[in-house]
Protein backbone atom coordinates (compact mmCIF):
# COMPACT_ATOMS: atom_id res chain seq x y z
CA UNK A 1 -94.26 132.48 24.96
CA UNK A 2 -96.89 131.90 27.66
CA UNK A 3 -96.65 128.62 29.68
CA UNK A 4 -99.85 127.27 28.15
CA UNK A 5 -98.58 128.11 24.68
CA UNK A 6 -95.34 126.23 25.32
CA UNK A 7 -97.35 123.23 26.59
CA UNK A 8 -99.49 123.21 23.45
CA UNK A 9 -96.41 123.45 21.29
CA UNK A 10 -94.83 120.52 23.12
CA UNK A 11 -97.98 118.43 22.65
CA UNK A 12 -97.97 119.28 18.97
CA UNK A 13 -94.39 118.15 18.65
CA UNK A 14 -94.98 114.89 20.52
CA UNK A 15 -98.33 113.97 18.98
CA UNK A 16 -96.95 112.55 15.71
CA UNK A 17 -94.05 110.86 17.51
CA UNK A 18 -96.06 107.94 18.93
CA UNK A 19 -97.67 106.81 15.66
CA UNK A 20 -94.32 107.19 13.93
CA UNK A 21 -92.61 105.10 16.61
CA UNK A 22 -95.26 102.39 16.26
CA UNK A 23 -95.04 102.54 12.48
CA UNK A 24 -91.26 102.07 12.53
CA UNK A 25 -91.38 99.39 15.27
CA UNK A 26 -89.48 97.15 15.59
CA UNK A 27 -86.01 98.36 14.74
CA UNK A 28 -84.11 95.73 16.76
CA UNK A 29 -84.63 92.15 18.04
CA UNK A 30 -87.50 91.41 20.43
CA UNK A 31 -87.09 89.32 23.57
CA UNK A 32 -89.81 86.75 24.31
CA UNK A 33 -89.70 85.39 27.87
CA UNK A 34 -90.96 81.81 28.30
CA UNK A 35 -91.75 80.98 31.90
CA UNK A 36 -92.09 77.18 31.81
CA UNK A 37 -88.70 75.96 30.63
CA UNK A 38 -87.12 74.43 27.54
CA UNK A 39 -89.08 71.49 26.17
CA UNK A 40 -92.36 72.52 27.79
CA UNK A 41 -95.38 72.94 25.54
CA UNK A 42 -95.52 76.73 25.95
CA UNK A 43 -91.79 77.04 25.30
CA UNK A 44 -92.06 74.94 22.13
CA UNK A 45 -95.06 76.97 20.96
CA UNK A 46 -93.35 80.30 21.64
CA UNK A 47 -90.24 79.26 19.73
CA UNK A 48 -92.35 78.16 16.76
CA UNK A 49 -94.16 81.51 16.77
CA UNK A 50 -90.88 83.40 17.15
CA UNK A 51 -89.48 81.73 14.03
CA UNK A 52 -92.49 82.86 12.01
CA UNK A 53 -92.67 86.34 13.50
CA UNK A 54 -89.28 87.36 12.18
CA UNK A 55 -90.37 87.77 8.54
CA UNK A 56 -93.69 89.35 9.61
CA UNK A 57 -92.13 91.99 11.88
CA UNK A 58 -88.83 92.36 10.09
CA UNK A 59 -86.80 91.62 13.24
CA UNK A 60 -85.79 88.42 15.01
CA UNK A 61 -87.59 87.28 18.16
CA UNK A 62 -85.29 85.65 20.69
CA UNK A 63 -86.85 83.32 23.28
CA UNK A 64 -85.38 83.48 26.77
CA UNK A 65 -86.35 80.99 29.49
CA UNK A 66 -87.02 82.49 32.92
CA UNK A 67 -88.32 79.54 34.90
CA UNK A 68 -89.63 79.13 38.42
CA UNK A 69 -92.34 79.90 40.99
CA UNK A 70 -95.17 78.72 38.78
CA UNK A 71 -94.42 81.29 36.12
CA UNK A 72 -94.03 84.22 38.51
CA UNK A 73 -90.29 84.66 37.84
CA UNK A 74 -90.91 85.03 34.12
CA UNK A 75 -93.93 87.24 34.69
CA UNK A 76 -91.99 89.56 36.96
CA UNK A 77 -89.04 89.79 34.56
CA UNK A 78 -91.49 90.74 31.85
CA UNK A 79 -93.41 93.25 33.95
CA UNK A 80 -90.22 94.99 35.08
CA UNK A 81 -88.78 95.35 31.56
CA UNK A 82 -88.90 98.69 29.75
CA UNK A 83 -92.36 99.19 28.18
CA UNK A 84 -90.99 99.78 24.72
CA UNK A 85 -92.28 96.73 22.83
CA UNK A 86 -88.99 94.87 22.91
CA UNK A 87 -90.01 92.46 25.67
CA UNK A 88 -93.03 90.15 25.52
CA UNK A 89 -93.74 86.99 27.47
CA UNK A 90 -95.85 83.83 27.49
CA UNK A 91 -97.28 83.27 30.96
CA UNK A 92 -99.63 80.62 32.42
CA UNK A 93 -102.91 81.54 34.08
CA UNK A 94 -101.44 80.46 37.44
CA UNK A 95 -99.00 83.37 37.42
CA UNK A 96 -101.71 85.98 36.91
CA UNK A 97 -104.75 84.52 38.72
CA UNK A 98 -103.53 82.15 41.44
CA UNK A 99 -99.98 82.90 42.58
CA UNK A 100 -100.61 86.59 43.39
CA UNK A 101 -103.31 85.51 45.86
CA UNK A 102 -101.51 82.73 47.71
CA UNK A 103 -97.94 83.95 47.40
CA UNK A 104 -97.84 87.67 46.62
CA UNK A 105 -94.51 89.19 45.65
CA UNK A 106 -93.73 92.56 47.21
CA UNK A 107 -93.78 95.28 44.59
CA UNK A 108 -95.17 93.07 41.83
CA UNK A 109 -98.81 92.73 40.83
CA UNK A 110 -99.31 91.09 37.43
CA UNK A 111 -102.70 92.78 37.05
CA UNK A 112 -100.92 96.13 37.14
CA UNK A 113 -97.56 95.17 35.61
CA UNK A 114 -98.59 93.16 32.53
CA UNK A 115 -100.50 94.40 29.49
CA UNK A 116 -102.51 91.67 27.72
CA UNK A 117 -101.72 91.06 24.06
CA UNK A 118 -103.67 87.87 23.37
CA UNK A 119 -104.78 84.67 25.05
CA UNK A 120 -102.70 82.21 23.06
CA UNK A 121 -104.25 78.82 23.77
CA UNK A 122 -105.94 76.50 26.20
CA UNK A 123 -103.92 73.46 27.20
CA UNK A 124 -106.05 70.33 27.61
CA UNK A 125 -105.18 68.54 30.85
CA UNK A 126 -105.76 64.82 31.30
CA UNK A 127 -106.21 62.92 34.57
CA UNK A 128 -104.09 59.84 33.89
CA UNK A 129 -102.85 56.80 35.78
CA UNK A 130 -100.16 54.24 35.22
CA UNK A 131 -101.78 51.10 33.80
CA UNK A 132 -99.92 49.00 36.36
CA UNK A 133 -102.40 50.13 39.02
CA UNK A 134 -104.90 47.75 37.46
CA UNK A 135 -107.86 50.14 37.56
CA UNK A 136 -109.95 50.91 34.51
CA UNK A 137 -111.92 53.99 35.51
CA UNK A 138 -112.20 56.71 38.10
CA UNK A 139 -114.56 54.79 40.39
CA UNK A 140 -112.14 51.87 40.56
CA UNK A 141 -109.29 54.25 41.37
CA UNK A 142 -111.29 55.73 44.26
CA UNK A 143 -112.03 52.24 45.54
CA UNK A 144 -108.33 51.38 45.42
CA UNK A 145 -107.47 54.56 47.31
CA UNK A 146 -109.91 53.61 50.04
CA UNK A 147 -108.49 50.10 50.24
CA UNK A 148 -104.91 51.37 50.40
CA UNK A 149 -105.01 54.71 52.24
CA UNK A 150 -102.10 57.15 51.89
CA UNK A 151 -100.33 54.99 49.30
CA UNK A 152 -101.43 56.58 46.01
CA UNK A 153 -99.49 59.67 45.03
CA UNK A 154 -100.16 62.16 42.28
CA UNK A 155 -98.54 65.05 40.46
CA UNK A 156 -100.41 68.22 39.49
CA UNK A 157 -98.59 71.03 37.68
CA UNK A 158 -100.43 73.94 39.26
CA UNK A 159 -102.01 75.10 42.49
CA UNK A 160 -105.45 75.20 40.88
CA UNK A 161 -105.17 71.52 39.95
CA UNK A 162 -103.90 70.71 43.45
CA UNK A 163 -106.97 72.48 44.83
CA UNK A 164 -109.12 70.42 42.49
CA UNK A 165 -107.50 67.21 43.72
CA UNK A 166 -108.15 68.24 47.31
CA UNK A 167 -111.79 68.61 46.34
CA UNK A 168 -111.74 65.07 44.96
CA UNK A 169 -110.24 63.86 48.24
CA UNK A 170 -113.01 65.53 50.23
CA UNK A 171 -115.80 64.39 47.93
CA UNK A 172 -114.72 60.74 48.00
CA UNK A 173 -113.22 60.43 51.48
CA UNK A 174 -109.82 59.45 50.09
CA UNK A 175 -106.28 60.75 50.46
CA UNK A 176 -104.40 60.98 47.20
CA UNK A 177 -101.00 62.38 48.23
CA UNK A 178 -99.37 65.14 46.25
CA UNK A 179 -95.71 64.83 45.23
CA UNK A 180 -94.21 68.09 43.90
CA UNK A 181 -91.83 68.11 40.94
CA UNK A 182 -89.58 70.83 39.57
CA UNK A 183 -90.12 69.97 35.92
CA UNK A 184 -92.50 68.16 33.61
CA UNK A 185 -89.88 65.71 32.38
CA UNK A 186 -89.15 64.40 35.86
CA UNK A 187 -92.87 64.15 36.59
CA UNK A 188 -93.58 62.12 33.46
CA UNK A 189 -90.68 59.78 34.16
CA UNK A 190 -91.87 59.22 37.72
CA UNK A 191 -95.36 58.49 36.48
CA UNK A 192 -94.18 56.04 33.82
CA UNK A 193 -92.04 54.19 36.34
CA UNK A 194 -95.00 53.91 38.70
CA UNK A 195 -93.29 55.87 41.47
CA UNK A 196 -95.97 58.57 41.26
CA UNK A 197 -98.65 56.73 39.31
CA UNK A 198 -101.29 59.46 39.01
CA UNK A 199 -101.02 62.81 37.26
CA UNK A 200 -103.01 65.70 35.89
CA UNK A 201 -100.88 66.71 32.95
CA UNK A 202 -101.01 68.26 29.49
CA UNK A 203 -102.40 65.57 27.22
CA UNK A 204 -99.84 66.40 24.55
CA UNK A 205 -97.08 65.19 26.88
CA UNK A 206 -98.73 61.80 27.38
CA UNK A 207 -100.41 61.05 24.05
CA UNK A 208 -97.95 58.37 22.92
CA UNK A 209 -98.22 56.60 26.28
CA UNK A 210 -102.02 56.80 26.17
CA UNK A 211 -102.03 55.24 22.72
CA UNK A 212 -99.84 52.30 23.73
CA UNK A 213 -101.93 51.81 26.91
CA UNK A 214 -98.97 52.34 29.20
CA UNK A 215 -101.01 55.15 30.68
CA UNK A 216 -104.80 55.31 30.97
CA UNK A 217 -106.75 58.56 30.73
CA UNK A 218 -109.79 58.85 32.97
CA UNK A 219 -110.93 62.43 32.28
CA UNK A 220 -109.95 65.68 30.58
CA UNK A 221 -110.74 69.24 31.56
CA UNK A 222 -112.48 71.62 29.23
CA UNK A 223 -115.98 71.59 27.77
CA UNK A 224 -115.36 68.89 25.19
CA UNK A 225 -113.31 65.78 24.63
CA UNK A 226 -109.85 66.08 23.13
CA UNK A 227 -109.22 64.77 19.61
CA UNK A 228 -106.01 63.29 21.06
CA UNK A 229 -108.13 61.08 23.32
CA UNK A 230 -111.69 60.95 21.97
CA UNK A 231 -112.58 58.02 24.23
CA UNK A 232 -111.63 59.93 27.39
CA UNK A 233 -114.65 61.69 28.98
CA UNK A 234 -114.55 65.21 30.34
CA UNK A 235 -114.60 65.78 34.09
CA UNK A 236 -118.08 67.22 33.68
CA UNK A 237 -119.24 63.97 32.10
CA UNK A 238 -118.17 62.01 35.17
CA UNK A 239 -119.63 64.49 37.63
CA UNK A 240 -116.70 66.66 38.68
CA UNK A 241 -117.56 70.24 37.87
CA UNK A 242 -116.54 72.38 40.84
CA UNK A 243 -113.60 74.77 40.54
CA UNK A 244 -111.93 73.03 37.63
CA UNK A 245 -110.08 76.01 36.20
CA UNK A 246 -109.03 75.79 32.55
CA UNK A 247 -105.32 75.99 31.86
CA UNK A 248 -104.25 78.62 29.36
CA UNK A 249 -101.22 80.64 28.37
CA UNK A 250 -101.33 84.30 27.44
CA UNK A 251 -98.99 86.72 25.72
CA UNK A 252 -98.21 89.95 27.56
CA UNK A 253 -95.99 93.02 27.41
CA UNK A 254 -94.96 95.35 30.25
CA UNK A 255 -97.71 97.76 31.24
CA UNK A 256 -97.09 101.12 29.59
CA UNK A 257 -96.16 99.62 26.24
CA UNK A 258 -97.77 101.96 23.68
CA UNK A 259 -101.17 100.75 22.47
CA UNK A 260 -100.22 100.93 18.77
CA UNK A 261 -97.31 98.56 19.49
CA UNK A 262 -99.56 96.21 21.50
CA UNK A 263 -101.95 96.12 18.56
CA UNK A 264 -99.14 95.53 16.08
CA UNK A 265 -97.84 92.61 18.14
CA UNK A 266 -101.33 91.18 18.48
CA UNK A 267 -101.90 91.36 14.75
CA UNK A 268 -98.56 89.67 13.99
CA UNK A 269 -98.95 86.87 16.56
CA UNK A 270 -102.54 86.16 15.53
CA UNK A 271 -101.53 86.06 11.87
CA UNK A 272 -98.77 83.52 12.54
CA UNK A 273 -100.64 81.29 14.98
CA UNK A 274 -103.93 81.32 13.04
CA UNK A 275 -102.34 79.74 10.00
CA UNK A 276 -103.89 76.26 9.53
CA UNK A 277 -100.55 74.69 8.72
CA UNK A 278 -98.97 76.23 11.83
CA UNK A 279 -101.80 74.90 13.99
CA UNK A 280 -101.60 71.44 12.46
CA UNK A 281 -97.85 71.27 13.04
CA UNK A 282 -97.54 73.02 16.40
CA UNK A 283 -100.89 72.84 18.20
CA UNK A 284 -103.25 70.05 17.19
CA UNK A 285 -100.80 67.25 17.99
CA UNK A 286 -100.03 68.76 21.40
CA UNK A 287 -103.54 69.31 22.70
CA UNK A 288 -103.42 73.09 22.35
CA UNK A 289 -106.69 74.85 21.52
CA UNK A 290 -106.07 78.28 19.94
CA UNK A 291 -107.86 81.38 21.18
CA UNK A 292 -105.94 84.36 19.75
CA UNK A 293 -108.34 87.09 20.79
CA UNK A 294 -107.89 90.86 20.95
CA UNK A 295 -106.12 92.66 23.81
CA UNK A 296 -109.47 94.06 24.94
CA UNK A 297 -111.19 90.66 24.94
CA UNK A 298 -108.28 89.09 26.79
CA UNK A 299 -108.35 91.82 29.44
CA UNK A 300 -112.06 91.21 30.12
CA UNK A 301 -111.56 87.45 30.37
CA UNK A 302 -108.69 87.92 32.82
CA UNK A 303 -111.07 89.66 35.24
CA UNK A 304 -113.26 86.54 35.26
CA UNK A 305 -110.24 84.24 35.54
CA UNK A 306 -108.98 86.08 38.61
CA UNK A 307 -112.38 85.84 40.30
CA UNK A 308 -112.64 82.13 39.49
CA UNK A 309 -109.12 81.53 40.78
CA UNK A 310 -109.92 83.19 44.09
CA UNK A 311 -113.08 81.10 44.46
CA UNK A 312 -111.15 77.88 43.77
CA UNK A 313 -108.48 78.73 46.34
CA UNK A 314 -111.07 79.45 49.01
CA UNK A 315 -113.01 76.27 48.24
CA UNK A 316 -109.90 74.08 48.45
CA UNK A 317 -109.29 74.87 52.12
CA UNK A 318 -105.55 74.76 51.46
CA UNK A 319 -105.05 78.44 52.25
CA UNK A 320 -107.34 79.40 55.16
CA UNK A 321 -105.80 82.88 55.36
CA UNK A 322 -107.09 83.76 51.89
CA UNK A 323 -110.36 85.65 52.30
């Protein structure tokens, strides 16, 4: 047999194998890497989805926490897994649009290592203060910061929100001081005690404290007010519009995962998370706004997100070496 004939025969043999593999998939449990830690909103959401995916896919989905470096550890573990459909991950925008610019990891580029499945949800962030500060709105907080320089500390969960806070400092001539925290639980406790009285945080983590007025919300990100705090204006309403990147979590698989499997995972996840009862129980009360788009739509949006992230980093002045 001539070489080209053998090649054609090999192609003919392999051609039906991919659809068959996708059709039979999955034949064993799937690992879902959560990058933000047990008890975090994305971890809770992923576990709820995993429970519902089992009967849809016919195999269990086991959530594994791989926490650290703003989601990069989980993203890298996902990107380096075999591209066979048996590893997926839920990763924050920081890990794909911000961290690779300011703290690149040798040999790992999420744009090349992760295949988008769907943008899961936006997470509404609220700018909140401990009520003990005695201020009732953002202008009063700025006035207090000017009267007591270098005494008001804040917590922001991501570099993009830190960059945004630095913009607020510059715009108002104040010096809110950042205090880093390893986990959301510690940050909330510090805020409630008044040790770090200011935070930009997922509104779902603070809703009970907002309702009992222990914490006051001054603004939320996003284009509209949150149903969890309808009296809290958006940042745009109070005049802060520059480089306020939305916070979202996406679902990915390792690059090279066969497209039919990506599509099958997308269809299953969208089916589970689009259910009105699922959203009422697992999203609405936590300030999560579902997106659940196609892999192709998600990929296009990621290009914009990366460009916006780079612009925000440059504007912050925190990383002068970033060009």
